[in-house]
Amino acid sequence: MLIIKSNWFLFTALILAFIISSCAVSENFGENAEANKTQQIEINTSFENAYRTAIQVAAERNWSVKNSDSAAGFFRAETPGSARVWSDKVNVTIIEEGGKTIITVRSNLGQEPNRKVVSDFLTDLKSRIEN
């Protein structure tokens, strides 16, 4: 009886792993992969203010900033993982173009929970700058 229960558990675990990996593959590869991994906002503020505020918001969200170059308008960070979201590495670029500042965040994973982490970051950033 123990062997049947062990095999049933193993079979269930394999099916669950297959389903989870299928979701990951469908979001990371295919026609929507880049759209799933990249989010962008435009803000009416200076480059310097956008960069400074982006670093502050990332730190407040416990993102671990690994590399930063304010002159280039770039920083790389790692988002914390939890029971519902995987840890992710993101690249944040900030450019000034046509009187607006454009902030782009590119996620390595692009999974739905990770997209929400990036979306919440950009929403908070925009809110802070505009208020």
N, C-alpha and C. Protein backbone atom coordinates (compact mmCIF):
# COMPACT_ATOMS: atom_id res chain seq x y z
N MET A 1 0.82 -1.19 0.00
CA MET A 1 0.00 0.00 0.00
C MET A 1 0.87 1.25 0.00
N LEU A 2 1.97 1.24 0.73
CA LEU A 2 2.88 2.38 0.79
C LEU A 2 3.46 2.70 -0.58
N ILE A 3 3.77 1.65 -1.35
CA ILE A 3 4.32 1.86 -2.69
C ILE A 3 3.30 2.56 -3.58
N ILE A 4 2.05 2.19 -3.51
CA ILE A 4 1.01 2.82 -4.33
C ILE A 4 0.86 4.28 -3.95
N LYS A 5 0.85 4.58 -2.65
CA LYS A 5 0.74 5.98 -2.21
C LYS A 5 1.95 6.78 -2.66
N SER A 6 3.14 6.21 -2.57
CA SER A 6 4.35 6.91 -3.01
C SER A 6 4.31 7.18 -4.50
N ASN A 7 3.88 6.18 -5.26
CA ASN A 7 3.79 6.36 -6.71
C ASN A 7 2.73 7.39 -7.08
N TRP A 8 1.62 7.38 -6.38
CA TRP A 8 0.56 8.36 -6.63
C TRP A 8 1.06 9.78 -6.35
N PHE A 9 1.79 9.92 -5.24
CA PHE A 9 2.35 11.23 -4.90
C PHE A 9 3.34 11.67 -5.97
N LEU A 10 4.20 10.78 -6.41
CA LEU A 10 5.18 11.09 -7.45
C LEU A 10 4.49 11.47 -8.75
N PHE A 11 3.50 10.70 -9.14
CA PHE A 11 2.74 10.98 -10.35
C PHE A 11 2.06 12.35 -10.28
N THR A 12 1.44 12.65 -9.16
CA THR A 12 0.77 13.94 -8.96
C THR A 12 1.78 15.08 -9.01
N ALA A 13 2.93 14.90 -8.38
CA ALA A 13 3.97 15.93 -8.39
C ALA A 13 4.49 16.17 -9.80
N LEU A 14 4.67 15.11 -10.57
CA LEU A 14 5.14 15.27 -11.95
C LEU A 14 4.11 16.00 -12.81
N ILE A 15 2.85 15.67 -12.66
CA ILE A 15 1.80 16.36 -13.42
C ILE A 15 1.76 17.84 -13.05
N LEU A 16 1.84 18.15 -11.77
CA LEU A 16 1.84 19.54 -11.31
C LEU A 16 3.06 20.28 -11.85
N ALA A 17 4.22 19.67 -11.82
CA ALA A 17 5.43 20.30 -12.35
C ALA A 17 5.29 20.56 -13.85
N PHE A 18 4.69 19.62 -14.57
CA PHE A 18 4.48 19.79 -16.01
C PHE A 18 3.55 20.97 -16.29
N ILE A 19 2.49 21.08 -15.53
CA ILE A 19 1.54 22.18 -15.73
C ILE A 19 2.21 23.52 -15.44
N ILE A 20 2.94 23.61 -14.34
CA ILE A 20 3.62 24.86 -13.99
C ILE A 20 4.65 25.23 -15.03
N SER A 21 5.44 24.26 -15.47
CA SER A 21 6.47 24.57 -16.48
C SER A 21 5.85 24.93 -17.81
N SER A 22 4.71 24.36 -18.15
CA SER A 22 4.02 24.72 -19.39
C SER A 22 3.59 26.18 -19.36
N CYS A 23 3.09 26.62 -18.22
CA CYS A 23 2.70 28.03 -18.08
C CYS A 23 3.92 28.92 -18.23
N ALA A 24 5.02 28.54 -17.61
CA ALA A 24 6.25 29.33 -17.70
C ALA A 24 6.75 29.40 -19.12
N VAL A 25 6.73 28.29 -19.82
CA VAL A 25 7.21 28.26 -21.20
C VAL A 25 6.32 29.12 -22.08
N SER A 26 5.01 29.05 -21.91
CA SER A 26 4.12 29.82 -22.77
C SER A 26 4.28 31.32 -22.57
N GLU A 27 4.66 31.75 -21.37
CA GLU A 27 4.84 33.18 -21.12
C GLU A 27 6.24 33.66 -21.47
N ASN A 28 7.24 32.78 -21.47
CA ASN A 28 8.62 33.17 -21.74
C ASN A 28 9.04 32.99 -23.19
N PHE A 29 8.29 32.24 -23.95
CA PHE A 29 8.62 32.00 -25.35
C PHE A 29 7.38 32.22 -26.19
N GLY A 30 7.55 32.49 -27.45
CA GLY A 30 6.41 32.68 -28.32
C GLY A 30 6.21 34.13 -28.65
N GLU A 31 5.08 34.39 -29.27
CA GLU A 31 4.83 35.73 -29.83
C GLU A 31 4.66 36.84 -28.80
N ASN A 32 4.27 36.52 -27.58
CA ASN A 32 4.06 37.55 -26.56
C ASN A 32 5.19 37.62 -25.53
N ALA A 33 6.27 36.90 -25.75
CA ALA A 33 7.33 36.81 -24.75
C ALA A 33 7.92 38.17 -24.41
N GLU A 34 8.28 38.96 -25.40
CA GLU A 34 8.87 40.27 -25.11
C GLU A 34 7.87 41.20 -24.44
N ALA A 35 6.64 41.17 -24.89
CA ALA A 35 5.60 42.00 -24.26
C ALA A 35 5.39 41.60 -22.80
N ASN A 36 5.50 40.31 -22.50
CA ASN A 36 5.35 39.84 -21.12
C ASN A 36 6.51 40.28 -20.25
N LYS A 37 7.68 40.48 -20.84
CA LYS A 37 8.87 40.79 -20.06
C LYS A 37 9.15 42.28 -19.95
N THR A 38 8.53 43.11 -20.77
CA THR A 38 8.87 44.53 -20.82
C THR A 38 7.66 45.40 -20.52
N GLN A 39 7.84 46.36 -19.62
CA GLN A 39 6.80 47.35 -19.31
C GLN A 39 7.44 48.73 -19.32
N GLN A 40 6.64 49.73 -19.70
CA GLN A 40 7.19 51.07 -19.89
C GLN A 40 6.17 52.13 -19.51
N ILE A 41 6.68 53.24 -18.96
CA ILE A 41 5.83 54.40 -18.69
C ILE A 41 6.55 55.66 -19.15
N GLU A 42 5.77 56.69 -19.42
CA GLU A 42 6.30 58.02 -19.71
C GLU A 42 5.88 58.96 -18.59
N ILE A 43 6.82 59.79 -18.14
CA ILE A 43 6.55 60.69 -17.03
C ILE A 43 7.06 62.08 -17.40
N ASN A 44 6.31 63.09 -16.99
CA ASN A 44 6.74 64.47 -17.18
C ASN A 44 7.58 64.91 -15.99
N THR A 45 8.85 64.59 -16.04
CA THR A 45 9.80 64.97 -15.00
C THR A 45 11.20 64.94 -15.59
N SER A 46 12.14 65.43 -14.84
CA SER A 46 13.52 65.41 -15.32
C SER A 46 14.10 64.01 -15.23
N PHE A 47 15.10 63.77 -16.01
CA PHE A 47 15.83 62.50 -15.99
C PHE A 47 16.36 62.22 -14.59
N GLU A 48 16.98 63.23 -13.98
CA GLU A 48 17.60 63.07 -12.66
C GLU A 48 16.57 62.69 -11.60
N ASN A 49 15.41 63.37 -11.62
CA ASN A 49 14.36 63.07 -10.65
C ASN A 49 13.81 61.66 -10.87
N ALA A 50 13.62 61.27 -12.11
CA ALA A 50 13.10 59.93 -12.41
C ALA A 50 14.08 58.86 -11.92
N TYR A 51 15.37 59.06 -12.18
CA TYR A 51 16.36 58.07 -11.77
C TYR A 51 16.43 57.96 -10.25
N ARG A 52 16.52 59.10 -9.59
CA ARG A 52 16.61 59.12 -8.12
C ARG A 52 15.38 58.46 -7.49
N THR A 53 14.20 58.79 -7.99
CA THR A 53 12.97 58.23 -7.43
C THR A 53 12.86 56.74 -7.72
N ALA A 54 13.29 56.31 -8.90
CA ALA A 54 13.24 54.89 -9.25
C ALA A 54 14.13 54.07 -8.31
N ILE A 55 15.31 54.57 -8.01
CA ILE A 55 16.21 53.89 -7.07
C ILE A 55 15.57 53.82 -5.69
N GLN A 56 14.94 54.93 -5.25
CA GLN A 56 14.30 54.96 -3.93
C GLN A 56 13.15 53.96 -3.85
N VAL A 57 12.30 53.95 -4.88
CA VAL A 57 11.15 53.03 -4.87
C VAL A 57 11.64 51.58 -4.90
N ALA A 58 12.65 51.29 -5.69
CA ALA A 58 13.21 49.93 -5.74
C ALA A 58 13.72 49.51 -4.37
N ALA A 59 14.43 50.40 -3.70
CA ALA A 59 14.97 50.08 -2.37
C ALA A 59 13.84 49.86 -1.37
N GLU A 60 12.79 50.68 -1.43
CA GLU A 60 11.65 50.53 -0.52
C GLU A 60 10.91 49.21 -0.74
N ARG A 61 10.97 48.69 -1.95
CA ARG A 61 10.32 47.42 -2.27
C ARG A 61 11.26 46.24 -2.04
N ASN A 62 12.38 46.51 -1.41
CA ASN A 62 13.39 45.49 -1.09
C ASN A 62 14.02 44.86 -2.33
N TRP A 63 14.06 45.64 -3.42
CA TRP A 63 14.79 45.18 -4.59
C TRP A 63 16.27 45.38 -4.29
N SER A 64 17.06 44.40 -4.59
CA SER A 64 18.50 44.48 -4.36
C SER A 64 19.15 45.04 -5.62
N VAL A 65 19.57 46.31 -5.56
CA VAL A 65 20.18 46.95 -6.72
C VAL A 65 21.61 46.43 -6.85
N LYS A 66 21.89 45.79 -7.98
CA LYS A 66 23.19 45.15 -8.21
C LYS A 66 24.16 46.07 -8.94
N ASN A 67 23.72 46.69 -9.98
CA ASN A 67 24.55 47.59 -10.77
C ASN A 67 23.75 48.85 -11.03
N SER A 68 24.40 49.98 -10.93
CA SER A 68 23.69 51.21 -11.27
C SER A 68 24.66 52.19 -11.91
N ASP A 69 24.15 52.93 -12.87
CA ASP A 69 24.93 53.95 -13.57
C ASP A 69 23.98 55.11 -13.86
N SER A 70 24.03 56.12 -13.00
CA SER A 70 23.09 57.23 -13.15
C SER A 70 23.33 58.00 -14.44
N ALA A 71 24.57 58.11 -14.88
CA ALA A 71 24.86 58.83 -16.12
C ALA A 71 24.24 58.12 -17.33
N ALA A 72 24.23 56.80 -17.30
CA ALA A 72 23.65 56.02 -18.39
C ALA A 72 22.15 55.80 -18.21
N GLY A 73 21.63 56.13 -17.03
CA GLY A 73 20.20 55.93 -16.76
C GLY A 73 19.83 54.46 -16.69
N PHE A 74 20.62 53.69 -15.98
CA PHE A 74 20.42 52.25 -15.94
C PHE A 74 20.69 51.70 -14.54
N PHE A 75 19.88 50.75 -14.13
CA PHE A 75 20.25 49.93 -12.99
C PHE A 75 19.65 48.53 -13.14
N ARG A 76 20.35 47.58 -12.57
CA ARG A 76 19.91 46.19 -12.56
C ARG A 76 19.59 45.85 -11.12
N ALA A 77 18.49 45.13 -10.93
CA ALA A 77 18.08 44.79 -9.57
C ALA A 77 17.49 43.38 -9.54
N GLU A 78 17.46 42.84 -8.34
CA GLU A 78 16.82 41.55 -8.13
C GLU A 78 15.63 41.76 -7.22
N THR A 79 14.47 41.30 -7.67
CA THR A 79 13.27 41.42 -6.86
C THR A 79 13.20 40.25 -5.89
N PRO A 80 12.64 40.47 -4.70
CA PRO A 80 12.58 39.36 -3.74
C PRO A 80 11.54 38.33 -4.15
N GLY A 81 11.80 37.10 -3.80
CA GLY A 81 10.84 36.03 -4.05
C GLY A 81 9.94 35.82 -2.84
N SER A 82 8.85 35.15 -3.06
CA SER A 82 7.93 34.81 -1.98
C SER A 82 7.20 33.53 -2.36
N ALA A 83 6.20 33.16 -1.60
CA ALA A 83 5.45 31.95 -1.91
C ALA A 83 4.65 32.09 -3.20
N ARG A 84 4.33 33.32 -3.61
CA ARG A 84 3.51 33.51 -4.80
C ARG A 84 4.26 34.06 -6.01
N VAL A 85 5.49 34.50 -5.80
CA VAL A 85 6.23 35.10 -6.92
C VAL A 85 7.70 34.68 -6.83
N TRP A 86 8.28 34.40 -7.99
CA TRP A 86 9.70 34.02 -8.02
C TRP A 86 10.58 35.25 -7.96
N SER A 87 11.75 35.08 -7.41
CA SER A 87 12.74 36.15 -7.45
C SER A 87 13.08 36.39 -8.93
N ASP A 88 13.27 37.64 -9.29
CA ASP A 88 13.47 37.99 -10.70
C ASP A 88 14.60 39.01 -10.81
N LYS A 89 15.28 39.00 -11.91
CA LYS A 89 16.28 40.02 -12.21
C LYS A 89 15.66 40.96 -13.23
N VAL A 90 15.70 42.26 -12.93
CA VAL A 90 15.12 43.25 -13.82
C VAL A 90 16.17 44.28 -14.22
N ASN A 91 16.03 44.80 -15.42
CA ASN A 91 16.86 45.90 -15.91
C ASN A 91 15.96 47.11 -16.04
N VAL A 92 16.36 48.20 -15.44
CA VAL A 92 15.60 49.44 -15.49
C VAL A 92 16.41 50.46 -16.28
N THR A 93 15.81 50.99 -17.33
CA THR A 93 16.47 52.04 -18.12
C THR A 93 15.60 53.28 -18.12
N ILE A 94 16.27 54.42 -18.06
CA ILE A 94 15.59 55.71 -18.02
C ILE A 94 16.22 56.59 -19.08
N ILE A 95 15.39 57.09 -19.98
CA ILE A 95 15.89 58.00 -21.02
C ILE A 95 14.99 59.22 -21.10
N GLU A 96 15.58 60.31 -21.53
CA GLU A 96 14.82 61.53 -21.75
C GLU A 96 14.69 61.70 -23.26
N GLU A 97 13.44 61.84 -23.71
CA GLU A 97 13.19 61.91 -25.14
C GLU A 97 11.98 62.82 -25.40
N GLY A 98 12.19 63.83 -26.21
CA GLY A 98 11.09 64.72 -26.59
C GLY A 98 10.41 65.40 -25.42
N GLY A 99 11.17 65.78 -24.41
CA GLY A 99 10.60 66.48 -23.26
C GLY A 99 9.95 65.58 -22.23
N LYS A 100 9.97 64.27 -22.47
CA LYS A 100 9.41 63.32 -21.51
C LYS A 100 10.50 62.36 -21.07
N THR A 101 10.30 61.79 -19.91
CA THR A 101 11.22 60.77 -19.42
C THR A 101 10.53 59.42 -19.56
N ILE A 102 11.21 58.47 -20.18
CA ILE A 102 10.66 57.14 -20.43
C ILE A 102 11.41 56.14 -19.54
N ILE A 103 10.64 55.40 -18.77
CA ILE A 103 11.21 54.40 -17.87
C ILE A 103 10.75 53.03 -18.37
N THR A 104 11.72 52.18 -18.64
CA THR A 104 11.44 50.83 -19.14
C THR A 104 12.01 49.82 -18.15
N VAL A 105 11.19 48.84 -17.80
CA VAL A 105 11.63 47.77 -16.92
C VAL A 105 11.48 46.46 -17.70
N ARG A 106 12.59 45.74 -17.79
CA ARG A 106 12.58 44.45 -18.48
C ARG A 106 12.87 43.35 -17.47
N SER A 107 11.96 42.43 -17.36
CA SER A 107 12.05 41.30 -16.44
C SER A 107 12.68 40.11 -17.16
N ASN A 108 13.46 39.33 -16.45
CA ASN A 108 13.99 38.10 -17.04
C ASN A 108 12.93 37.02 -17.15
N LEU A 109 11.93 37.04 -16.26
CA LEU A 109 10.94 35.97 -16.24
C LEU A 109 9.68 36.29 -17.02
N GLY A 110 9.04 37.39 -16.74
CA GLY A 110 7.82 37.76 -17.45
C GLY A 110 6.58 36.98 -17.04
N GLN A 111 6.64 36.24 -15.94
CA GLN A 111 5.47 35.51 -15.46
C GLN A 111 4.44 36.50 -14.90
N GLU A 112 3.19 36.10 -14.87
CA GLU A 112 2.12 36.98 -14.41
C GLU A 112 2.40 37.59 -13.04
N PRO A 113 2.79 36.81 -12.02
CA PRO A 113 3.07 37.44 -10.72
C PRO A 113 4.24 38.43 -10.80
N ASN A 114 5.25 38.11 -11.61
CA ASN A 114 6.40 39.00 -11.76
C ASN A 114 6.02 40.25 -12.54
N ARG A 115 5.13 40.12 -13.52
CA ARG A 115 4.65 41.31 -14.25
C ARG A 115 3.93 42.25 -13.30
N LYS A 116 3.18 41.68 -12.36
CA LYS A 116 2.46 42.52 -11.39
C LYS A 116 3.45 43.25 -10.49
N VAL A 117 4.54 42.60 -10.08
CA VAL A 117 5.56 43.25 -9.26
C VAL A 117 6.12 44.46 -10.01
N VAL A 118 6.43 44.29 -11.28
CA VAL A 118 6.97 45.39 -12.09
C VAL A 118 5.91 46.47 -12.30
N SER A 119 4.69 46.05 -12.60
CA SER A 119 3.60 47.01 -12.80
C SER A 119 3.35 47.84 -11.54
N ASP A 120 3.36 47.21 -10.38
CA ASP A 120 3.17 47.93 -9.11
C ASP A 120 4.32 48.91 -8.87
N PHE A 121 5.53 48.50 -9.21
CA PHE A 121 6.69 49.38 -9.09
C PHE A 121 6.50 50.63 -9.96
N LEU A 122 6.12 50.43 -11.22
CA LEU A 122 5.94 51.57 -12.14
C LEU A 122 4.77 52.46 -11.71
N THR A 123 3.71 51.87 -11.22
CA THR A 123 2.56 52.65 -10.74
C THR A 123 2.96 53.51 -9.55
N ASP A 124 3.68 52.91 -8.60
CA ASP A 124 4.14 53.64 -7.42
C ASP A 124 5.11 54.76 -7.84
N LEU A 125 6.01 54.45 -8.75
CA LEU A 125 6.98 55.44 -9.23
C LEU A 125 6.27 56.63 -9.88
N LYS A 126 5.34 56.34 -10.75
CA LYS A 126 4.60 57.41 -11.44
C LYS A 126 3.80 58.25 -10.45
N SER A 127 3.18 57.58 -9.50
CA SER A 127 2.38 58.27 -8.48
C SER A 127 3.25 59.22 -7.65
N ARG A 128 4.42 58.75 -7.26
CA ARG A 128 5.32 59.58 -6.45
C ARG A 128 5.80 60.80 -7.21
N ILE A 129 6.09 60.63 -8.45
CA ILE A 129 6.62 61.75 -9.25
C ILE A 129 5.52 62.75 -9.57
N GLU A 130 4.34 62.27 -9.86
CA GLU A 130 3.26 63.18 -10.27
C GLU A 130 2.57 63.85 -9.10
N ASN A 131 2.78 63.38 -7.88
CA ASN A 131 2.14 64.01 -6.71
C ASN A 131 3.08 64.87 -5.91
